[in-house]
Amino acid sequence: MTAPEIPEGFERQTRPSPLTDPWEPIYSKQTPDAIILGLRLAKPHTNARGFAHGGLIAALTDKAMGHSCGHKMRGAISLVTVSMSIDFISSAQIGQWLTVETDVIKTGSTLCFAQCLVTADGVAIARANGTFRVVKKKE
């Protein structure tokens, strides 16, 4: 993949996981309030019908919201997903740029609340809400 295919400001993510390793390359962009995830949809991201798989979208929304809550709380904590809901609005095709952009609604000492919007080439395809349990990091 060449640099022009990746929107400005996105770089390879620095927090990979065994679940998302097969979906690489995944990109991220940091803002003062969130971590935005992005990827160019390819065959490994699709279901049998050739659309972006709902499991991919759900996993990326969970990851983006959790990382964004941690970023907003300045990384002094760890987060565990308590609940998440997702609405699939439309589908996305191979070759489209998928973006997962989070809005952290509220952070607290025990819970963090976030929502995100998933777009494919700028068109909304899903929205999600998540609640995360705040776990203090061991010193």
N, C-alpha and C. Protein backbone atom coordinates (compact mmCIF):
# COMPACT_ATOMS: atom_id res chain seq x y z
N MET A 1 0.85 -1.17 0.00
CA MET A 1 0.00 0.00 0.00
C MET A 1 0.90 1.24 0.00
N THR A 2 0.62 2.16 -0.88
CA THR A 2 1.44 3.35 -0.97
C THR A 2 0.89 4.46 -0.10
N ALA A 3 1.76 5.40 0.26
CA ALA A 3 1.38 6.49 1.15
C ALA A 3 0.16 7.29 0.66
N PRO A 4 0.00 7.57 -0.65
CA PRO A 4 -1.16 8.36 -1.08
C PRO A 4 -2.51 7.70 -0.78
N GLU A 5 -2.52 6.39 -0.60
CA GLU A 5 -3.78 5.70 -0.32
C GLU A 5 -4.22 5.86 1.13
N ILE A 6 -3.34 6.38 1.98
CA ILE A 6 -3.64 6.54 3.40
C ILE A 6 -3.89 8.02 3.66
N PRO A 7 -5.05 8.38 4.22
CA PRO A 7 -5.34 9.79 4.48
C PRO A 7 -4.30 10.44 5.38
N GLU A 8 -4.13 11.72 5.19
CA GLU A 8 -3.15 12.51 5.93
C GLU A 8 -3.38 12.40 7.44
N GLY A 9 -2.29 12.26 8.17
CA GLY A 9 -2.35 12.22 9.63
C GLY A 9 -2.40 10.82 10.21
N PHE A 10 -2.69 9.82 9.38
CA PHE A 10 -2.75 8.44 9.86
C PHE A 10 -1.38 7.78 9.76
N GLU A 11 -1.02 7.04 10.80
CA GLU A 11 0.22 6.26 10.84
C GLU A 11 -0.12 4.86 11.31
N ARG A 12 0.78 3.91 11.06
CA ARG A 12 0.56 2.54 11.54
C ARG A 12 0.29 2.57 13.03
N GLN A 13 -0.72 1.81 13.47
CA GLN A 13 -1.05 1.79 14.89
C GLN A 13 0.11 1.24 15.71
N THR A 14 0.18 1.67 16.95
CA THR A 14 1.26 1.22 17.84
C THR A 14 0.75 0.27 18.91
N ARG A 15 -0.53 -0.10 18.87
CA ARG A 15 -1.09 -1.01 19.87
C ARG A 15 -1.78 -2.20 19.20
N PRO A 16 -1.00 -3.04 18.52
CA PRO A 16 -1.60 -4.22 17.87
C PRO A 16 -2.05 -5.24 18.93
N SER A 17 -2.86 -6.19 18.49
CA SER A 17 -3.29 -7.28 19.38
C SER A 17 -3.42 -8.56 18.54
N PRO A 18 -3.37 -9.72 19.18
CA PRO A 18 -3.50 -10.96 18.42
C PRO A 18 -4.79 -11.03 17.60
N LEU A 19 -5.88 -10.44 18.11
CA LEU A 19 -7.14 -10.46 17.36
C LEU A 19 -7.03 -9.67 16.06
N THR A 20 -6.42 -8.50 16.13
CA THR A 20 -6.38 -7.63 14.96
C THR A 20 -5.16 -7.84 14.06
N ASP A 21 -4.19 -8.63 14.49
CA ASP A 21 -2.99 -8.88 13.67
C ASP A 21 -3.33 -9.31 12.24
N PRO A 22 -4.30 -10.22 12.02
CA PRO A 22 -4.59 -10.63 10.64
C PRO A 22 -5.21 -9.51 9.78
N TRP A 23 -5.65 -8.45 10.41
CA TRP A 23 -6.30 -7.36 9.68
C TRP A 23 -5.34 -6.23 9.33
N GLU A 24 -4.09 -6.35 9.74
CA GLU A 24 -3.12 -5.29 9.48
C GLU A 24 -2.93 -5.09 7.98
N PRO A 25 -2.57 -3.88 7.54
CA PRO A 25 -2.21 -2.76 8.39
C PRO A 25 -3.43 -1.96 8.87
N ILE A 26 -3.44 -1.64 10.15
CA ILE A 26 -4.43 -0.76 10.75
C ILE A 26 -3.69 0.52 11.12
N TYR A 27 -4.34 1.63 10.87
CA TYR A 27 -3.73 2.94 11.10
C TYR A 27 -4.46 3.67 12.22
N SER A 28 -3.78 4.64 12.81
CA SER A 28 -4.42 5.46 13.84
C SER A 28 -3.97 6.90 13.69
N LYS A 29 -4.81 7.77 14.21
CA LYS A 29 -4.52 9.20 14.25
C LYS A 29 -4.95 9.69 15.62
N GLN A 30 -4.06 10.39 16.28
CA GLN A 30 -4.32 10.87 17.63
C GLN A 30 -4.78 12.32 17.57
N THR A 31 -5.87 12.61 18.30
CA THR A 31 -6.33 13.98 18.49
C THR A 31 -6.22 14.26 19.99
N PRO A 32 -6.45 15.48 20.42
CA PRO A 32 -6.40 15.73 21.87
C PRO A 32 -7.42 14.90 22.66
N ASP A 33 -8.52 14.51 22.02
CA ASP A 33 -9.60 13.84 22.74
C ASP A 33 -9.82 12.38 22.37
N ALA A 34 -9.17 11.85 21.35
CA ALA A 34 -9.49 10.49 20.91
C ALA A 34 -8.37 9.88 20.07
N ILE A 35 -8.50 8.58 19.87
CA ILE A 35 -7.67 7.83 18.94
C ILE A 35 -8.60 7.39 17.80
N ILE A 36 -8.34 7.85 16.59
CA ILE A 36 -9.14 7.49 15.43
C ILE A 36 -8.45 6.33 14.73
N LEU A 37 -9.20 5.29 14.42
CA LEU A 37 -8.64 4.15 13.70
C LEU A 37 -9.06 4.20 12.24
N GLY A 38 -8.22 3.65 11.37
CA GLY A 38 -8.55 3.59 9.96
C GLY A 38 -7.88 2.40 9.29
N LEU A 39 -8.50 1.90 8.24
CA LEU A 39 -7.89 0.84 7.42
C LEU A 39 -8.51 0.84 6.05
N ARG A 40 -7.73 0.36 5.09
CA ARG A 40 -8.21 0.19 3.72
C ARG A 40 -8.81 -1.21 3.65
N LEU A 41 -10.10 -1.30 3.37
CA LEU A 41 -10.78 -2.60 3.36
C LEU A 41 -10.22 -3.51 2.27
N ALA A 42 -9.94 -4.75 2.68
CA ALA A 42 -9.40 -5.77 1.78
C ALA A 42 -10.16 -7.08 2.02
N LYS A 43 -9.87 -8.07 1.23
CA LYS A 43 -10.58 -9.34 1.31
C LYS A 43 -10.59 -9.96 2.72
N PRO A 44 -9.48 -9.92 3.50
CA PRO A 44 -9.51 -10.50 4.84
C PRO A 44 -10.49 -9.81 5.81
N HIS A 45 -11.02 -8.65 5.41
CA HIS A 45 -11.94 -7.90 6.26
C HIS A 45 -13.41 -8.18 5.93
N THR A 46 -13.66 -9.07 4.97
CA THR A 46 -15.03 -9.23 4.46
C THR A 46 -15.71 -10.52 4.91
N ASN A 47 -17.03 -10.50 4.73
CA ASN A 47 -17.84 -11.70 4.95
C ASN A 47 -17.97 -12.44 3.62
N ALA A 48 -18.78 -13.50 3.61
CA ALA A 48 -18.94 -14.32 2.40
C ALA A 48 -19.57 -13.54 1.24
N ARG A 49 -20.26 -12.45 1.56
CA ARG A 49 -20.90 -11.65 0.51
C ARG A 49 -19.99 -10.55 -0.03
N GLY A 50 -18.78 -10.42 0.54
CA GLY A 50 -17.83 -9.44 0.05
C GLY A 50 -17.93 -8.07 0.69
N PHE A 51 -18.76 -7.93 1.72
CA PHE A 51 -18.88 -6.67 2.46
C PHE A 51 -17.99 -6.71 3.69
N ALA A 52 -17.69 -5.55 4.26
CA ALA A 52 -16.96 -5.50 5.53
C ALA A 52 -17.73 -6.32 6.56
N HIS A 53 -17.05 -7.22 7.24
CA HIS A 53 -17.68 -8.12 8.21
C HIS A 53 -18.10 -7.35 9.45
N GLY A 54 -19.29 -7.65 9.96
CA GLY A 54 -19.78 -7.00 11.17
C GLY A 54 -18.87 -7.23 12.37
N GLY A 55 -18.24 -8.40 12.43
CA GLY A 55 -17.32 -8.68 13.53
C GLY A 55 -16.10 -7.79 13.49
N LEU A 56 -15.61 -7.48 12.30
CA LEU A 56 -14.50 -6.55 12.14
C LEU A 56 -14.90 -5.17 12.65
N ILE A 57 -16.08 -4.73 12.23
CA ILE A 57 -16.56 -3.40 12.64
C ILE A 57 -16.75 -3.35 14.15
N ALA A 58 -17.35 -4.38 14.73
CA ALA A 58 -17.57 -4.41 16.18
C ALA A 58 -16.24 -4.40 16.94
N ALA A 59 -15.28 -5.19 16.48
CA ALA A 59 -13.98 -5.24 17.16
C ALA A 59 -13.27 -3.90 17.06
N LEU A 60 -13.32 -3.26 15.91
CA LEU A 60 -12.65 -1.97 15.75
C LEU A 60 -13.32 -0.87 16.56
N THR A 61 -14.66 -0.91 16.68
CA THR A 61 -15.33 0.10 17.50
C THR A 61 -14.97 -0.10 18.98
N ASP A 62 -14.92 -1.34 19.43
CA ASP A 62 -14.53 -1.63 20.81
C ASP A 62 -13.11 -1.12 21.07
N LYS A 63 -12.22 -1.41 20.15
CA LYS A 63 -10.81 -0.99 20.27
C LYS A 63 -10.70 0.54 20.27
N ALA A 64 -11.36 1.19 19.34
CA ALA A 64 -11.27 2.65 19.23
C ALA A 64 -11.85 3.34 20.46
N MET A 65 -13.00 2.88 20.93
CA MET A 65 -13.61 3.52 22.10
C MET A 65 -12.77 3.28 23.35
N GLY A 66 -12.28 2.06 23.55
CA GLY A 66 -11.45 1.76 24.71
C GLY A 66 -10.16 2.55 24.72
N HIS A 67 -9.48 2.59 23.56
CA HIS A 67 -8.23 3.35 23.47
C HIS A 67 -8.48 4.85 23.66
N SER A 68 -9.60 5.33 23.14
CA SER A 68 -9.92 6.75 23.28
C SER A 68 -10.21 7.10 24.74
N CYS A 69 -10.92 6.24 25.45
CA CYS A 69 -11.17 6.48 26.88
C CYS A 69 -9.83 6.52 27.63
N GLY A 70 -8.96 5.56 27.36
CA GLY A 70 -7.65 5.52 28.00
C GLY A 70 -6.83 6.76 27.68
N HIS A 71 -6.88 7.19 26.42
CA HIS A 71 -6.16 8.40 25.99
C HIS A 71 -6.70 9.63 26.73
N LYS A 72 -8.01 9.73 26.80
CA LYS A 72 -8.64 10.88 27.47
C LYS A 72 -8.30 10.91 28.96
N MET A 73 -8.13 9.70 29.56
CA MET A 73 -7.80 9.60 30.98
C MET A 73 -6.29 9.58 31.19
N ARG A 74 -5.55 9.93 30.17
CA ARG A 74 -4.09 10.08 30.20
C ARG A 74 -3.34 8.78 30.49
N GLY A 75 -3.93 7.63 30.15
CA GLY A 75 -3.23 6.36 30.21
C GLY A 75 -2.90 5.83 31.59
N ALA A 76 -3.42 6.43 32.63
CA ALA A 76 -3.09 5.99 34.00
C ALA A 76 -3.93 4.79 34.44
N ILE A 77 -4.76 4.31 33.55
CA ILE A 77 -5.69 3.23 33.89
C ILE A 77 -5.71 2.19 32.77
N SER A 78 -6.36 1.09 33.07
CA SER A 78 -6.65 0.07 32.08
C SER A 78 -8.17 0.01 31.97
N LEU A 79 -8.68 -0.41 30.84
CA LEU A 79 -10.13 -0.44 30.66
C LEU A 79 -10.59 -1.82 30.21
N VAL A 80 -11.75 -2.23 30.71
CA VAL A 80 -12.36 -3.50 30.34
C VAL A 80 -13.77 -3.19 29.85
N THR A 81 -14.14 -3.74 28.71
CA THR A 81 -15.48 -3.48 28.16
C THR A 81 -16.54 -4.12 29.04
N VAL A 82 -17.52 -3.30 29.45
CA VAL A 82 -18.65 -3.78 30.25
C VAL A 82 -19.83 -4.08 29.33
N SER A 83 -20.11 -3.15 28.43
CA SER A 83 -21.20 -3.36 27.47
C SER A 83 -20.93 -2.55 26.22
N MET A 84 -21.52 -3.01 25.14
CA MET A 84 -21.37 -2.32 23.88
C MET A 84 -22.57 -2.62 23.01
N SER A 85 -23.05 -1.63 22.30
CA SER A 85 -24.11 -1.86 21.31
C SER A 85 -23.67 -1.25 20.00
N ILE A 86 -24.15 -1.84 18.93
CA ILE A 86 -23.75 -1.35 17.61
C ILE A 86 -24.94 -1.42 16.66
N ASP A 87 -25.08 -0.42 15.85
CA ASP A 87 -26.10 -0.37 14.81
C ASP A 87 -25.37 -0.36 13.48
N PHE A 88 -25.72 -1.30 12.61
CA PHE A 88 -25.14 -1.36 11.28
C PHE A 88 -26.08 -0.60 10.34
N ILE A 89 -25.58 0.47 9.76
CA ILE A 89 -26.39 1.40 8.98
C ILE A 89 -26.35 1.08 7.50
N SER A 90 -25.17 0.69 7.03
CA SER A 90 -24.96 0.40 5.61
C SER A 90 -23.79 -0.56 5.50
N SER A 91 -23.39 -0.86 4.28
CA SER A 91 -22.27 -1.78 4.07
C SER A 91 -21.07 -1.04 3.49
N ALA A 92 -19.92 -1.71 3.53
CA ALA A 92 -18.69 -1.15 2.97
C ALA A 92 -18.04 -2.20 2.09
N GLN A 93 -17.35 -1.74 1.05
CA GLN A 93 -16.78 -2.61 0.03
C GLN A 93 -15.25 -2.61 0.08
N ILE A 94 -14.68 -3.67 -0.47
CA ILE A 94 -13.22 -3.75 -0.62
C ILE A 94 -12.73 -2.49 -1.34
N GLY A 95 -11.63 -1.94 -0.82
CA GLY A 95 -11.03 -0.75 -1.41
C GLY A 95 -11.40 0.54 -0.72
N GLN A 96 -12.50 0.55 0.03
CA GLN A 96 -12.90 1.77 0.71
C GLN A 96 -12.05 2.00 1.96
N TRP A 97 -11.90 3.27 2.34
CA TRP A 97 -11.18 3.65 3.56
C TRP A 97 -12.20 3.67 4.70
N LEU A 98 -11.96 2.81 5.70
CA LEU A 98 -12.83 2.70 6.86
C LEU A 98 -12.23 3.53 7.99
N THR A 99 -13.04 4.39 8.60
CA THR A 99 -12.60 5.22 9.71
C THR A 99 -13.52 4.98 10.90
N VAL A 100 -12.93 4.86 12.09
CA VAL A 100 -13.68 4.70 13.34
C VAL A 100 -13.31 5.86 14.24
N GLU A 101 -14.26 6.80 14.41
CA GLU A 101 -14.00 8.02 15.15
C GLU A 101 -14.85 8.06 16.42
N THR A 102 -14.18 8.25 17.56
CA THR A 102 -14.82 8.16 18.87
C THR A 102 -15.04 9.51 19.51
N ASP A 103 -16.13 9.60 20.25
CA ASP A 103 -16.41 10.74 21.11
C ASP A 103 -16.53 10.18 22.53
N VAL A 104 -15.61 10.56 23.41
CA VAL A 104 -15.68 10.11 24.80
C VAL A 104 -16.72 10.99 25.48
N ILE A 105 -17.78 10.37 25.98
CA ILE A 105 -18.90 11.09 26.57
C ILE A 105 -18.62 11.51 28.01
N LYS A 106 -18.12 10.57 28.81
CA LYS A 106 -17.85 10.87 30.21
C LYS A 106 -16.81 9.90 30.75
N THR A 107 -15.87 10.43 31.50
CA THR A 107 -14.91 9.59 32.20
C THR A 107 -15.16 9.73 33.69
N GLY A 108 -14.95 8.65 34.41
CA GLY A 108 -15.14 8.67 35.85
C GLY A 108 -14.14 7.75 36.52
N SER A 109 -14.23 7.64 37.81
CA SER A 109 -13.28 6.80 38.54
C SER A 109 -13.56 5.31 38.38
N THR A 110 -14.80 4.95 38.00
CA THR A 110 -15.12 3.53 37.82
C THR A 110 -15.61 3.18 36.43
N LEU A 111 -16.20 4.13 35.71
CA LEU A 111 -16.73 3.86 34.37
C LEU A 111 -16.36 4.97 33.40
N CYS A 112 -16.27 4.59 32.13
CA CYS A 112 -16.05 5.54 31.04
C CYS A 112 -17.09 5.22 29.96
N PHE A 113 -17.69 6.26 29.40
CA PHE A 113 -18.73 6.09 28.39
C PHE A 113 -18.26 6.74 27.08
N ALA A 114 -18.47 6.03 25.96
CA ALA A 114 -18.04 6.55 24.67
C ALA A 114 -19.02 6.14 23.59
N GLN A 115 -18.96 6.86 22.48
CA GLN A 115 -19.73 6.49 21.29
C GLN A 115 -18.83 6.71 20.09
N CYS A 116 -19.12 6.02 19.00
CA CYS A 116 -18.31 6.23 17.82
C CYS A 116 -19.13 6.06 16.55
N LEU A 117 -18.58 6.62 15.49
CA LEU A 117 -19.18 6.54 14.18
C LEU A 117 -18.17 5.89 13.24
N VAL A 118 -18.64 4.93 12.47
CA VAL A 118 -17.79 4.24 11.49
C VAL A 118 -18.23 4.71 10.11
N THR A 119 -17.25 5.15 9.32
CA THR A 119 -17.55 5.59 7.97
C THR A 119 -16.69 4.82 6.96
N ALA A 120 -17.22 4.69 5.75
CA ALA A 120 -16.48 4.11 4.63
C ALA A 120 -16.45 5.18 3.55
N ASP A 121 -15.26 5.68 3.25
CA ASP A 121 -15.10 6.79 2.31
C ASP A 121 -16.02 7.96 2.69
N GLY A 122 -16.15 8.21 4.00
CA GLY A 122 -16.91 9.35 4.50
C GLY A 122 -18.39 9.13 4.68
N VAL A 123 -18.91 7.96 4.33
CA VAL A 123 -20.34 7.66 4.46
C VAL A 123 -20.55 6.78 5.69
N ALA A 124 -21.48 7.15 6.56
CA ALA A 124 -21.74 6.39 7.79
C ALA A 124 -22.20 4.98 7.47
N ILE A 125 -21.54 3.99 8.10
CA ILE A 125 -21.97 2.59 7.93
C ILE A 125 -22.32 1.93 9.26
N ALA A 126 -21.89 2.52 10.39
CA ALA A 126 -22.23 1.95 11.71
C ALA A 126 -22.02 3.01 12.78
N ARG A 127 -22.71 2.79 13.91
CA ARG A 127 -22.49 3.61 15.09
C ARG A 127 -22.50 2.66 16.28
N ALA A 128 -21.75 3.04 17.30
CA ALA A 128 -21.65 2.16 18.48
C ALA A 128 -21.57 3.00 19.74
N ASN A 129 -21.98 2.38 20.84
CA ASN A 129 -21.87 2.95 22.18
C ASN A 129 -21.18 1.93 23.05
N GLY A 130 -20.33 2.40 23.97
CA GLY A 130 -19.64 1.47 24.85
C GLY A 130 -19.50 2.02 26.26
N THR A 131 -19.52 1.09 27.20
CA THR A 131 -19.26 1.40 28.61
C THR A 131 -18.06 0.57 29.01
N PHE A 132 -17.09 1.20 29.67
CA PHE A 132 -15.84 0.55 30.03
C PHE A 132 -15.58 0.70 31.53
N ARG A 133 -15.15 -0.37 32.15
CA ARG A 133 -14.79 -0.38 33.57
C ARG A 133 -13.35 0.12 33.69
N VAL A 134 -13.15 1.07 34.58
CA VAL A 134 -11.83 1.64 34.83
C VAL A 134 -11.12 0.76 35.86
N VAL A 135 -9.94 0.28 35.50
CA VAL A 135 -9.14 -0.55 36.39
C VAL A 135 -7.80 0.16 36.59
N LYS A 136 -7.48 0.49 37.81
CA LYS A 136 -6.21 1.16 38.10
C LYS A 136 -5.05 0.25 37.74
N LYS A 137 -4.04 0.80 37.09
CA LYS A 137 -2.83 0.03 36.77
C LYS A 137 -2.04 -0.22 38.04
N LYS A 138 -1.49 -1.41 38.16
CA LYS A 138 -0.65 -1.73 39.31
C LYS A 138 0.66 -0.98 39.20
N GLU A 139 1.10 -0.41 40.31
CA GLU A 139 2.35 0.36 40.29
C GLU A 139 3.56 -0.51 40.49
